[in-house]
Amino acid sequence: NRKIDERVEFPMVLDVSKYTTSGSSAGGTVYDLEGVLVHSGTADSGHYYSFCLDRASAAKGNPRWYEFNDKLIRPFDVKADLEQECFGGFASVISCTRPSGYTPTSTAPASSSST
């Protein structure tokens, strides 16, 4: 087993329309990042934790993110701290549905880097 431990970038807003065939966009092709799954450790063992967007706050125009790490749940500044907290590997979009009336706050790419 081998863990990929390289810098990975992923956008806060992802438009997959260029990857679809004509007529297959009935469900929409633009997705907002709502969560990041992080693995620390090796391919054989380690620890998972996540950063997730609070959909209710996002729908009200004041998006708040939280870290979920075992029993620890705390506010998280996704713009300032995501790159520092992610150590490589793959980031995962947890959910692909937009709350009604939600407008993304940023189109700047988020990234993760190895340490």
PDB file of N, CA and C in Angstrom:
ATOM      1  N   ASN A   1       0.831  -1.190   0.000  1.00  0.00           N
ATOM      2  CA  ASN A   1       0.000   0.000   0.000  1.00  0.00           C
ATOM      3  C   ASN A   1       0.870   1.246   0.000  1.00  0.00           C
ATOM      4  N   ARG A   2       0.427   2.250  -0.730  1.00  0.00           N
ATOM      5  CA  ARG A   2       1.185   3.483  -0.811  1.00  0.00           C
ATOM      6  C   ARG A   2       0.236   4.663  -0.699  1.00  0.00           C
ATOM      7  N   LYS A   3       0.530   5.561   0.214  1.00  0.00           N
ATOM      8  CA  LYS A   3      -0.266   6.769   0.386  1.00  0.00           C
ATOM      9  C   LYS A   3       0.297   7.863  -0.499  1.00  0.00           C
ATOM     10  N   ILE A   4      -0.569   8.517  -1.234  1.00  0.00           N
ATOM     11  CA  ILE A   4      -0.157   9.664  -2.039  1.00  0.00           C
ATOM     12  C   ILE A   4      -0.052  10.848  -1.088  1.00  0.00           C
ATOM     13  N   ASP A   5       1.119  11.424  -0.980  1.00  0.00           N
ATOM     14  CA  ASP A   5       1.358  12.500  -0.013  1.00  0.00           C
ATOM     15  C   ASP A   5       1.926  13.717  -0.736  1.00  0.00           C
ATOM     16  N   GLU A   6       1.156  14.210  -1.693  1.00  0.00           N
ATOM     17  CA  GLU A   6       1.579  15.349  -2.492  1.00  0.00           C
ATOM     18  C   GLU A   6       0.553  16.467  -2.382  1.00  0.00           C
ATOM     19  N   ARG A   7       0.936  17.650  -2.816  1.00  0.00           N
ATOM     20  CA  ARG A   7       0.029  18.790  -2.811  1.00  0.00           C
ATOM     21  C   ARG A   7      -1.164  18.509  -3.716  1.00  0.00           C
ATOM     22  N   VAL A   8      -2.350  18.770  -3.194  1.00  0.00           N
ATOM     23  CA  VAL A   8      -3.586  18.593  -3.951  1.00  0.00           C
ATOM     24  C   VAL A   8      -4.371  19.893  -3.858  1.00  0.00           C
ATOM     25  N   GLU A   9      -4.838  20.402  -4.987  1.00  0.00           N
ATOM     26  CA  GLU A   9      -5.667  21.600  -4.988  1.00  0.00           C
ATOM     27  C   GLU A   9      -7.066  21.225  -5.433  1.00  0.00           C
ATOM     28  N   PHE A  10      -8.036  21.881  -4.834  1.00  0.00           N
ATOM     29  CA  PHE A  10      -9.423  21.664  -5.226  1.00  0.00           C
ATOM     30  C   PHE A  10     -10.151  22.978  -5.045  1.00  0.00           C
ATOM     31  N   PRO A  11     -11.044  23.290  -5.965  1.00  0.00           N
ATOM     32  CA  PRO A  11     -11.718  24.590  -5.925  1.00  0.00           C
ATOM     33  C   PRO A  11     -12.850  24.623  -4.899  1.00  0.00           C
ATOM     34  N   MET A  12     -13.168  25.823  -4.437  1.00  0.00           N
ATOM     35  CA  MET A  12     -14.336  26.003  -3.567  1.00  0.00           C
ATOM     36  C   MET A  12     -15.617  25.859  -4.384  1.00  0.00           C
ATOM     37  N   VAL A  13     -15.541  26.147  -5.687  1.00  0.00           N
ATOM     38  CA  VAL A  13     -16.661  25.957  -6.603  1.00  0.00           C
ATOM     39  C   VAL A  13     -16.130  25.155  -7.784  1.00  0.00           C
ATOM     40  N   LEU A  14     -16.814  24.065  -8.110  1.00  0.00           N
ATOM     41  CA  LEU A  14     -16.377  23.176  -9.181  1.00  0.00           C
ATOM     42  C   LEU A  14     -17.459  23.078 -10.246  1.00  0.00           C
ATOM     43  N   ASP A  15     -17.104  23.426 -11.477  1.00  0.00           N
ATOM     44  CA  ASP A  15     -18.025  23.296 -12.610  1.00  0.00           C
ATOM     45  C   ASP A  15     -17.561  22.098 -13.431  1.00  0.00           C
ATOM     46  N   VAL A  16     -18.368  21.042 -13.466  1.00  0.00           N
ATOM     47  CA  VAL A  16     -17.994  19.822 -14.179  1.00  0.00           C
ATOM     48  C   VAL A  16     -18.615  19.741 -15.563  1.00  0.00           C
ATOM     49  N   SER A  17     -19.170  20.849 -16.059  1.00  0.00           N
ATOM     50  CA  SER A  17     -19.862  20.813 -17.350  1.00  0.00           C
ATOM     51  C   SER A  17     -18.949  20.342 -18.485  1.00  0.00           C
ATOM     52  N   LYS A  18     -17.665  20.663 -18.420  1.00  0.00           N
ATOM     53  CA  LYS A  18     -16.773  20.242 -19.511  1.00  0.00           C
ATOM     54  C   LYS A  18     -16.509  18.734 -19.493  1.00  0.00           C
ATOM     55  N   TYR A  19     -16.911  18.064 -18.415  1.00  0.00           N
ATOM     56  CA  TYR A  19     -16.720  16.618 -18.328  1.00  0.00           C
ATOM     57  C   TYR A  19     -18.001  15.840 -18.626  1.00  0.00           C
ATOM     58  N   THR A  20     -19.067  16.534 -18.994  1.00  0.00           N
ATOM     59  CA  THR A  20     -20.339  15.866 -19.268  1.00  0.00           C
ATOM     60  C   THR A  20     -20.595  15.835 -20.764  1.00  0.00           C
ATOM     61  N   THR A  21     -21.482  14.938 -21.163  1.00  0.00           N
ATOM     62  CA  THR A  21     -21.893  14.896 -22.558  1.00  0.00           C
ATOM     63  C   THR A  21     -23.110  15.785 -22.737  1.00  0.00           C
ATOM     64  N   SER A  22     -23.376  16.206 -23.918  1.00  0.00           N
ATOM     65  CA  SER A  22     -24.498  17.089 -24.206  1.00  0.00           C
ATOM     66  C   SER A  22     -25.799  16.502 -23.684  1.00  0.00           C
ATOM     67  N   GLY A  23     -26.551  17.324 -22.947  1.00  0.00           N
ATOM     68  CA  GLY A  23     -27.852  16.891 -22.444  1.00  0.00           C
ATOM     69  C   GLY A  23     -27.817  16.190 -21.107  1.00  0.00           C
ATOM     70  N   SER A  24     -26.623  15.980 -20.531  1.00  0.00           N
ATOM     71  CA  SER A  24     -26.566  15.261 -19.259  1.00  0.00           C
ATOM     72  C   SER A  24     -26.464  16.198 -18.059  1.00  0.00           C
ATOM     73  N   SER A  25     -26.748  17.477 -18.247  1.00  0.00           N
ATOM     74  CA  SER A  25     -26.595  18.429 -17.154  1.00  0.00           C
ATOM     75  C   SER A  25     -27.920  18.787 -16.493  1.00  0.00           C
ATOM     76  N   ALA A  26     -28.930  17.917 -16.622  1.00  0.00           N
ATOM     77  CA  ALA A  26     -30.252  18.213 -16.065  1.00  0.00           C
ATOM     78  C   ALA A  26     -30.198  18.483 -14.567  1.00  0.00           C
ATOM     79  N   GLY A  27     -29.310  17.850 -13.849  1.00  0.00           N
ATOM     80  CA  GLY A  27     -29.203  18.034 -12.410  1.00  0.00           C
ATOM     81  C   GLY A  27     -28.264  19.150 -12.009  1.00  0.00           C
ATOM     82  N   GLY A  28     -27.683  19.848 -12.966  1.00  0.00           N
ATOM     83  CA  GLY A  28     -26.730  20.908 -12.660  1.00  0.00           C
ATOM     84  C   GLY A  28     -25.314  20.394 -12.717  1.00  0.00           C
ATOM     85  N   THR A  29     -24.398  21.280 -13.016  1.00  0.00           N
ATOM     86  CA  THR A  29     -22.999  20.868 -13.130  1.00  0.00           C
ATOM     87  C   THR A  29     -22.069  21.704 -12.276  1.00  0.00           C
ATOM     88  N   VAL A  30     -22.600  22.591 -11.448  1.00  0.00           N
ATOM     89  CA  VAL A  30     -21.770  23.433 -10.582  1.00  0.00           C
ATOM     90  C   VAL A  30     -21.990  22.995  -9.136  1.00  0.00           C
ATOM     91  N   TYR A  31     -20.900  22.687  -8.465  1.00  0.00           N
ATOM     92  CA  TYR A  31     -20.958  22.188  -7.090  1.00  0.00           C
ATOM     93  C   TYR A  31     -20.103  23.063  -6.186  1.00  0.00           C
ATOM     94  N   ASP A  32     -20.605  23.327  -4.997  1.00  0.00           N
ATOM     95  CA  ASP A  32     -19.865  24.082  -3.993  1.00  0.00           C
ATOM     96  C   ASP A  32     -19.222  23.100  -3.027  1.00  0.00           C
ATOM     97  N   LEU A  33     -17.988  23.374  -2.641  1.00  0.00           N
ATOM     98  CA  LEU A  33     -17.314  22.527  -1.672  1.00  0.00           C
ATOM     99  C   LEU A  33     -18.025  22.658  -0.328  1.00  0.00           C
ATOM    100  N   GLU A  34     -18.421  21.550   0.243  1.00  0.00           N
ATOM    101  CA  GLU A  34     -19.118  21.559   1.522  1.00  0.00           C
ATOM    102  C   GLU A  34     -18.400  20.738   2.571  1.00  0.00           C
ATOM    103  N   GLY A  35     -17.357  20.037   2.179  1.00  0.00           N
ATOM    104  CA  GLY A  35     -16.637  19.245   3.161  1.00  0.00           C
ATOM    105  C   GLY A  35     -15.319  18.746   2.617  1.00  0.00           C
ATOM    106  N   VAL A  36     -14.385  18.530   3.513  1.00  0.00           N
ATOM    107  CA  VAL A  36     -13.073  17.992   3.167  1.00  0.00           C
ATOM    108  C   VAL A  36     -12.762  16.888   4.167  1.00  0.00           C
ATOM    109  N   LEU A  37     -12.396  15.729   3.653  1.00  0.00           N
ATOM    110  CA  LEU A  37     -12.005  14.597   4.483  1.00  0.00           C
ATOM    111  C   LEU A  37     -10.487  14.519   4.474  1.00  0.00           C
ATOM    112  N   VAL A  38      -9.885  14.458   5.643  1.00  0.00           N
ATOM    113  CA  VAL A  38      -8.426  14.461   5.767  1.00  0.00           C
ATOM    114  C   VAL A  38      -7.981  13.165   6.435  1.00  0.00           C
ATOM    115  N   HIS A  39      -6.916  12.564   5.921  1.00  0.00           N
ATOM    116  CA  HIS A  39      -6.313  11.393   6.539  1.00  0.00           C
ATOM    117  C   HIS A  39      -4.899  11.750   6.947  1.00  0.00           C
ATOM    118  N   SER A  40      -4.565  11.497   8.199  1.00  0.00           N
ATOM    119  CA  SER A  40      -3.182  11.656   8.649  1.00  0.00           C
ATOM    120  C   SER A  40      -2.678  10.276   9.022  1.00  0.00           C
ATOM    121  N   GLY A  41      -1.448   9.999   8.686  1.00  0.00           N
ATOM    122  CA  GLY A  41      -0.877   8.684   8.961  1.00  0.00           C
ATOM    123  C   GLY A  41      -0.355   8.044   7.700  1.00  0.00           C
ATOM    124  N   THR A  42      -0.292   6.733   7.699  1.00  0.00           N
ATOM    125  CA  THR A  42       0.229   5.979   6.561  1.00  0.00           C
ATOM    126  C   THR A  42      -0.921   5.299   5.832  1.00  0.00           C
ATOM    127  N   ALA A  43      -0.598   4.618   4.746  1.00  0.00           N
ATOM    128  CA  ALA A  43      -1.623   3.888   4.000  1.00  0.00           C
ATOM    129  C   ALA A  43      -2.180   2.731   4.824  1.00  0.00           C
ATOM    130  N   ASP A  44      -1.409   2.227   5.763  1.00  0.00           N
ATOM    131  CA  ASP A  44      -1.836   1.086   6.572  1.00  0.00           C
ATOM    132  C   ASP A  44      -2.568   1.472   7.849  1.00  0.00           C
ATOM    133  N   SER A  45      -2.345   2.664   8.337  1.00  0.00           N
ATOM    134  CA  SER A  45      -3.011   3.083   9.572  1.00  0.00           C
ATOM    135  C   SER A  45      -3.030   4.608   9.624  1.00  0.00           C
ATOM    136  N   GLY A  46      -3.849   5.130  10.503  1.00  0.00           N
ATOM    137  CA  GLY A  46      -3.901   6.577  10.631  1.00  0.00           C
ATOM    138  C   GLY A  46      -5.205   7.042  11.231  1.00  0.00           C
ATOM    139  N   HIS A  47      -5.531   8.278  10.962  1.00  0.00           N
ATOM    140  CA  HIS A  47      -6.679   8.917  11.579  1.00  0.00           C
ATOM    141  C   HIS A  47      -7.379   9.784  10.541  1.00  0.00           C
ATOM    142  N   TYR A  48      -8.704   9.724  10.521  1.00  0.00           N
ATOM    143  CA  TYR A  48      -9.510  10.571   9.642  1.00  0.00           C
ATOM    144  C   TYR A  48     -10.210  11.640  10.464  1.00  0.00           C
ATOM    145  N   TYR A  49     -10.303  12.835   9.894  1.00  0.00           N
ATOM    146  CA  TYR A  49     -11.119  13.901  10.461  1.00  0.00           C
ATOM    147  C   TYR A  49     -11.629  14.747   9.304  1.00  0.00           C
ATOM    148  N   SER A  50     -12.556  15.649   9.587  1.00  0.00           N
ATOM    149  CA  SER A  50     -13.158  16.381   8.477  1.00  0.00           C
ATOM    150  C   SER A  50     -13.423  17.839   8.828  1.00  0.00           C
ATOM    151  N   PHE A  51     -13.587  18.615   7.771  1.00  0.00           N
ATOM    152  CA  PHE A  51     -14.004  20.009   7.863  1.00  0.00           C
ATOM    153  C   PHE A  51     -15.274  20.120   7.037  1.00  0.00           C
ATOM    154  N   CYS A  52     -16.332  20.661   7.628  1.00  0.00           N
ATOM    155  CA  CYS A  52     -17.629  20.697   6.956  1.00  0.00           C
ATOM    156  C   CYS A  52     -18.269  22.071   7.057  1.00  0.00           C
ATOM    157  N   LEU A  53     -18.962  22.431   5.994  1.00  0.00           N
ATOM    158  CA  LEU A  53     -19.711  23.674   5.933  1.00  0.00           C
ATOM    159  C   LEU A  53     -21.052  23.492   6.621  1.00  0.00           C
ATOM    160  N   ASP A  54     -21.433  24.452   7.440  1.00  0.00           N
ATOM    161  CA  ASP A  54     -22.771  24.483   8.032  1.00  0.00           C
ATOM    162  C   ASP A  54     -23.718  25.053   6.986  1.00  0.00           C
ATOM    163  N   ARG A  55     -24.574  24.211   6.427  1.00  0.00           N
ATOM    164  CA  ARG A  55     -25.455  24.636   5.333  1.00  0.00           C
ATOM    165  C   ARG A  55     -26.412  25.751   5.744  1.00  0.00           C
ATOM    166  N   ALA A  56     -26.916  25.711   6.969  1.00  0.00           N
ATOM    167  CA  ALA A  56     -27.862  26.741   7.413  1.00  0.00           C
ATOM    168  C   ALA A  56     -27.201  28.116   7.398  1.00  0.00           C
ATOM    169  N   SER A  57     -25.968  28.206   7.864  1.00  0.00           N
ATOM    170  CA  SER A  57     -25.273  29.502   7.864  1.00  0.00           C
ATOM    171  C   SER A  57     -24.952  29.939   6.443  1.00  0.00           C
ATOM    172  N   ALA A  58     -24.625  29.000   5.568  1.00  0.00           N
ATOM    173  CA  ALA A  58     -24.328  29.330   4.177  1.00  0.00           C
ATOM    174  C   ALA A  58     -25.570  29.863   3.475  1.00  0.00           C
ATOM    175  N   ALA A  59     -26.713  29.269   3.748  1.00  0.00           N
ATOM    176  CA  ALA A  59     -27.962  29.715   3.122  1.00  0.00           C
ATOM    177  C   ALA A  59     -28.318  31.135   3.544  1.00  0.00           C
ATOM    178  N   LYS A  60     -27.867  31.533   4.725  1.00  0.00           N
ATOM    179  CA  LYS A  60     -28.134  32.895   5.225  1.00  0.00           C
ATOM    180  C   LYS A  60     -27.057  33.884   4.785  1.00  0.00           C
ATOM    181  N   GLY A  61     -26.084  33.422   3.985  1.00  0.00           N
ATOM    182  CA  GLY A  61     -25.044  34.310   3.478  1.00  0.00           C
ATOM    183  C   GLY A  61     -23.867  34.499   4.407  1.00  0.00           C
ATOM    184  N   ASN A  62     -23.800  33.722   5.481  1.00  0.00           N
ATOM    185  CA  ASN A  62     -22.701  33.829   6.440  1.00  0.00           C
ATOM    186  C   ASN A  62     -22.129  32.427   6.683  1.00  0.00           C
ATOM    187  N   PRO A  63     -21.435  31.850   5.672  1.00  0.00           N
ATOM    188  CA  PRO A  63     -20.993  30.463   5.792  1.00  0.00           C
ATOM    189  C   PRO A  63     -20.003  30.245   6.927  1.00  0.00           C
ATOM    190  N   ARG A  64     -20.284  29.245   7.736  1.00  0.00           N
ATOM    191  CA  ARG A  64     -19.387  28.849   8.822  1.00  0.00           C
ATOM    192  C   ARG A  64     -18.958  27.406   8.597  1.00  0.00           C
ATOM    193  N   TRP A  65     -17.683  27.158   8.815  1.00  0.00           N
ATOM    194  CA  TRP A  65     -17.119  25.821   8.699  1.00  0.00           C
ATOM    195  C   TRP A  65     -16.749  25.312  10.084  1.00  0.00           C
ATOM    196  N   TYR A  66     -16.749  23.979  10.235  1.00  0.00           N
ATOM    197  CA  TYR A  66     -16.406  23.352  11.501  1.00  0.00           C
ATOM    198  C   TYR A  66     -15.457  22.196  11.271  1.00  0.00           C
ATOM    199  N   GLU A  67     -14.594  21.976  12.236  1.00  0.00           N
ATOM    200  CA  GLU A  67     -13.728  20.799  12.256  1.00  0.00           C
ATOM    201  C   GLU A  67     -14.416  19.726  13.088  1.00  0.00           C
ATOM    202  N   PHE A  68     -14.452  18.512  12.567  1.00  0.00           N
ATOM    203  CA  PHE A  68     -14.987  17.357  13.287  1.00  0.00           C
ATOM    204  C   PHE A  68     -13.848  16.361  13.439  1.00  0.00           C
ATOM    205  N   ASN A  69     -13.342  16.236  14.657  1.00  0.00           N
ATOM    206  CA  ASN A  69     -12.182  15.397  14.930  1.00  0.00           C
ATOM    207  C   ASN A  69     -12.455  14.616  16.204  1.00  0.00           C
ATOM    208  N   ASP A  70     -12.968  13.399  16.044  1.00  0.00           N
ATOM    209  CA  ASP A  70     -13.410  12.580  17.168  1.00  0.00           C
ATOM    210  C   ASP A  70     -14.446  13.364  17.980  1.00  0.00           C
ATOM    211  N   LYS A  71     -14.183  13.585  19.252  1.00  0.00           N
ATOM    212  CA  LYS A  71     -15.145  14.319  20.086  1.00  0.00           C
ATOM    213  C   LYS A  71     -15.014  15.828  19.954  1.00  0.00           C
ATOM    214  N   LEU A  72     -13.966  16.292  19.301  1.00  0.00           N
ATOM    215  CA  LEU A  72     -13.727  17.720  19.134  1.00  0.00           C
ATOM    216  C   LEU A  72     -14.534  18.261  17.961  1.00  0.00           C
ATOM    217  N   ILE A  73     -15.361  19.239  18.220  1.00  0.00           N
ATOM    218  CA  ILE A  73     -16.073  19.974  17.172  1.00  0.00           C
ATOM    219  C   ILE A  73     -15.843  21.444  17.476  1.00  0.00           C
ATOM    220  N   ARG A  74     -15.225  22.151  16.505  1.00  0.00           N
ATOM    221  CA  ARG A  74     -14.939  23.562  16.751  1.00  0.00           C
ATOM    222  C   ARG A  74     -15.019  24.342  15.440  1.00  0.00           C
ATOM    223  N   PRO A  75     -15.238  25.658  15.545  1.00  0.00           N
ATOM    224  CA  PRO A  75     -15.264  26.491  14.341  1.00  0.00           C
ATOM    225  C   PRO A  75     -13.931  26.399  13.606  1.00  0.00           C
ATOM    226  N   PHE A  76     -13.990  26.540  12.291  1.00  0.00           N
ATOM    227  CA  PHE A  76     -12.802  26.407  11.457  1.00  0.00           C
ATOM    228  C   PHE A  76     -12.825  27.493  10.385  1.00  0.00           C
ATOM    229  N   ASP A  77     -11.713  28.200  10.206  1.00  0.00           N
ATOM    230  CA  ASP A  77     -11.587  29.234   9.179  1.00  0.00           C
ATOM    231  C   ASP A  77     -11.036  28.587   7.915  1.00  0.00           C
ATOM    232  N   VAL A  78     -11.942  28.193   7.012  1.00  0.00           N
ATOM    233  CA  VAL A  78     -11.543  27.435   5.828  1.00  0.00           C
ATOM    234  C   VAL A  78     -10.601  28.235   4.927  1.00  0.00           C
ATOM    235  N   LYS A  79     -10.791  29.533   4.817  1.00  0.00           N
ATOM    236  CA  LYS A  79      -9.943  30.342   3.934  1.00  0.00           C
ATOM    237  C   LYS A  79      -8.531  30.492   4.477  1.00  0.00           C
ATOM    238  N   ALA A  80      -8.403  30.643   5.781  1.00  0.00           N
ATOM    239  CA  ALA A  80      -7.092  30.877   6.384  1.00  0.00           C
ATOM    240  C   ALA A  80      -6.346  29.592   6.732  1.00  0.00           C
ATOM    241  N   ASP A  81      -7.071  28.528   7.093  1.00  0.00           N
ATOM    242  CA  ASP A  81      -6.413  27.380   7.698  1.00  0.00           C
ATOM    243  C   ASP A  81      -6.463  26.076   6.914  1.00  0.00           C
ATOM    244  N   LEU A  82      -7.228  26.001   5.823  1.00  0.00           N
ATOM    245  CA  LEU A  82      -7.375  24.721   5.135  1.00  0.00           C
ATOM    246  C   LEU A  82      -6.053  24.184   4.614  1.00  0.00           C
ATOM    247  N   GLU A  83      -5.275  25.026   3.957  1.00  0.00           N
ATOM    248  CA  GLU A  83      -4.005  24.543   3.406  1.00  0.00           C
ATOM    249  C   GLU A  83      -3.070  24.044   4.507  1.00  0.00           C
ATOM    250  N   GLN A  84      -3.023  24.737   5.619  1.00  0.00           N
ATOM    251  CA  GLN A  84      -2.153  24.353   6.727  1.00  0.00           C
ATOM    252  C   GLN A  84      -2.599  23.030   7.349  1.00  0.00           C
ATOM    253  N   GLU A  85      -3.899  22.795   7.411  1.00  0.00           N
ATOM    254  CA  GLU A  85      -4.433  21.609   8.072  1.00  0.00           C
ATOM    255  C   GLU A  85      -4.401  20.353   7.217  1.00  0.00           C
ATOM    256  N   CYS A  86      -4.353  20.500   5.908  1.00  0.00           N
ATOM    257  CA  CYS A  86      -4.383  19.339   5.013  1.00  0.00           C
ATOM    258  C   CYS A  86      -2.958  18.955   4.642  1.00  0.00           C
ATOM    259  N   PHE A  87      -2.652  17.695   4.786  1.00  0.00           N
ATOM    260  CA  PHE A  87      -1.268  17.250   4.634  1.00  0.00           C
ATOM    261  C   PHE A  87      -1.037  16.435   3.374  1.00  0.00           C
ATOM    262  N   GLY A  88      -1.876  16.553   2.380  1.00  0.00           N
ATOM    263  CA  GLY A  88      -1.701  15.772   1.160  1.00  0.00           C
ATOM    264  C   GLY A  88      -2.740  14.669   1.088  1.00  0.00           C
ATOM    265  N   GLY A  89      -2.644  13.850   0.077  1.00  0.00           N
ATOM    266  CA  GLY A  89      -3.658  12.832  -0.138  1.00  0.00           C
ATOM    267  C   GLY A  89      -4.816  13.433  -0.895  1.00  0.00           C
ATOM    268  N   PHE A  90      -5.968  12.838  -0.816  1.00  0.00           N
ATOM    269  CA  PHE A  90      -7.111  13.286  -1.586  1.00  0.00           C
ATOM    270  C   PHE A  90      -8.119  13.988  -0.709  1.00  0.00           C
ATOM    271  N   ALA A  91      -8.591  15.128  -1.157  1.00  0.00           N
ATOM    272  CA  ALA A  91      -9.691  15.836  -0.510  1.00  0.00           C
ATOM    273  C   ALA A  91     -10.967  15.375  -1.187  1.00  0.00           C
ATOM    274  N   SER A  92     -12.030  15.290  -0.439  1.00  0.00           N
ATOM    275  CA  SER A  92     -13.252  14.737  -0.977  1.00  0.00           C
ATOM    276  C   SER A  92     -14.414  15.685  -0.795  1.00  0.00           C
ATOM    277  N   VAL A  93     -15.178  15.887  -1.857  1.00  0.00           N
ATOM    278  CA  VAL A  93     -16.406  16.655  -1.729  1.00  0.00           C
ATOM    279  C   VAL A  93     -17.416  15.748  -1.050  1.00  0.00           C
ATOM    280  N   ILE A  94     -17.905  16.167   0.102  1.00  0.00           N
ATOM    281  CA  ILE A  94     -18.807  15.344   0.888  1.00  0.00           C
ATOM    282  C   ILE A  94     -20.218  15.396   0.329  1.00  0.00           C
ATOM    283  N   SER A  95     -20.667  16.556  -0.089  1.00  0.00           N
ATOM    284  CA  SER A  95     -22.039  16.706  -0.540  1.00  0.00           C
ATOM    285  C   SER A  95     -22.083  17.625  -1.741  1.00  0.00           C
ATOM    286  N   CYS A  96     -22.997  17.380  -2.629  1.00  0.00           N
ATOM    287  CA  CYS A  96     -23.055  18.154  -3.860  1.00  0.00           C
ATOM    288  C   CYS A  96     -24.391  18.859  -4.048  1.00  0.00           C
ATOM    289  N   THR A  97     -25.101  19.116  -2.996  1.00  0.00           N
ATOM    290  CA  THR A  97     -26.366  19.817  -3.140  1.00  0.00           C
ATOM    291  C   THR A  97     -26.225  21.216  -2.568  1.00  0.00           C
ATOM    292  N   ARG A  98     -26.868  22.173  -3.211  1.00  0.00           N
ATOM    293  CA  ARG A  98     -26.816  23.559  -2.768  1.00  0.00           C
ATOM    294  C   ARG A  98     -28.064  23.883  -1.969  1.00  0.00           C
ATOM    295  N   PRO A  99     -27.924  24.555  -0.844  1.00  0.00           N
ATOM    296  CA  PRO A  99     -29.110  25.019  -0.129  1.00  0.00           C
ATOM    297  C   PRO A  99     -29.859  26.042  -0.986  1.00  0.00           C
ATOM    298  N   SER A 100     -31.147  26.077  -0.864  1.00  0.00           N
ATOM    299  CA  SER A 100     -31.952  27.027  -1.612  1.00  0.00           C
ATOM    300  C   SER A 100     -31.499  28.451  -1.305  1.00  0.00           C
ATOM    301  N   GLY A 101     -31.238  29.226  -2.343  1.00  0.00           N
ATOM    302  CA  GLY A 101     -30.834  30.614  -2.176  1.00  0.00           C
ATOM    303  C   GLY A 101     -29.362  30.818  -1.859  1.00  0.00           C
ATOM    304  N   TYR A 102     -28.575  29.747  -1.804  1.00  0.00           N
ATOM    305  CA  TYR A 102     -27.160  29.864  -1.446  1.00  0.00           C
ATOM    306  C   TYR A 102     -26.346  30.393  -2.613  1.00  0.00           C
ATOM    307  N   THR A 103     -25.493  31.372  -2.349  1.00  0.00           N
ATOM    308  CA  THR A 103     -24.565  31.911  -3.330  1.00  0.00           C
ATOM    309  C   THR A 103     -23.158  31.701  -2.788  1.00  0.00           C
ATOM    310  N   PRO A 104     -22.261  31.097  -3.566  1.00  0.00           N
ATOM    311  CA  PRO A 104     -20.898  30.869  -3.072  1.00  0.00           C
ATOM    312  C   PRO A 104     -20.231  32.183  -2.694  1.00  0.00           C
ATOM    313  N   THR A 105     -19.401  32.145  -1.659  1.00  0.00           N
ATOM    314  CA  THR A 105     -18.734  33.350  -1.177  1.00  0.00           C
ATOM    315  C   THR A 105     -17.385  33.562  -1.844  1.00  0.00           C
ATOM    316  N   SER A 106     -16.830  32.516  -2.447  1.00  0.00           N
ATOM    317  CA  SER A 106     -15.515  32.663  -3.029  1.00  0.00           C
ATOM    318  C   SER A 106     -15.347  31.672  -4.172  1.00  0.00           C
ATOM    319  N   THR A 107     -14.603  32.078  -5.187  1.00  0.00           N
ATOM    320  CA  THR A 107     -14.252  31.151  -6.258  1.00  0.00           C
ATOM    321  C   THR A 107     -12.772  30.852  -6.245  1.00  0.00           C
ATOM    322  N   ALA A 108     -12.078  31.337  -5.224  1.00  0.00           N
ATOM    323  CA  ALA A 108     -10.645  31.074  -5.118  1.00  0.00           C
ATOM    324  C   ALA A 108     -10.419  29.612  -4.776  1.00  0.00           C
ATOM    325  N   PRO A 109      -9.414  28.966  -5.373  1.00  0.00           N
ATOM    326  CA  PRO A 109      -9.197  27.557  -5.078  1.00  0.00           C
ATOM    327  C   PRO A 109      -8.678  27.353  -3.676  1.00  0.00           C
ATOM    328  N   ALA A 110      -9.149  26.309  -3.053  1.00  0.00           N
ATOM    329  CA  ALA A 110      -8.576  25.862  -1.782  1.00  0.00           C
ATOM    330  C   ALA A 110      -7.496  24.873  -2.146  1.00  0.00           C
ATOM    331  N   SER A 111      -6.605  24.591  -1.256  1.00  0.00           N
ATOM    332  CA  SER A 111      -5.539  23.648  -1.575  1.00  0.00           C
ATOM    333  C   SER A 111      -5.113  22.925  -0.328  1.00  0.00           C
ATOM    334  N   SER A 112      -4.387  21.839  -0.562  1.00  0.00           N
ATOM    335  CA  SER A 112      -3.760  21.151   0.555  1.00  0.00           C
ATOM    336  C   SER A 112      -2.316  20.894   0.160  1.00  0.00           C
ATOM    337  N   SER A 113      -1.461  20.767   1.143  1.00  0.00           N
ATOM    338  CA  SER A 113      -0.058  20.560   0.836  1.00  0.00           C
ATOM    339  C   SER A 113       0.509  19.526   1.789  1.00  0.00           C
ATOM    340  N   SER A 114       1.567  18.872   1.364  1.00  0.00           N
ATOM    341  CA  SER A 114       2.214  17.901   2.232  1.00  0.00           C
ATOM    342  C   SER A 114       3.182  18.600   3.163  1.00  0.00           C
ATOM    343  N   THR A 115       3.405  18.000   4.296  1.00  0.00           N
ATOM    344  CA  THR A 115       4.351  18.561   5.250  1.00  0.00           C
ATOM    345  C   THR A 115       5.413  17.556   5.576  1.00  0.00           C
TER     346      THR A 115
END
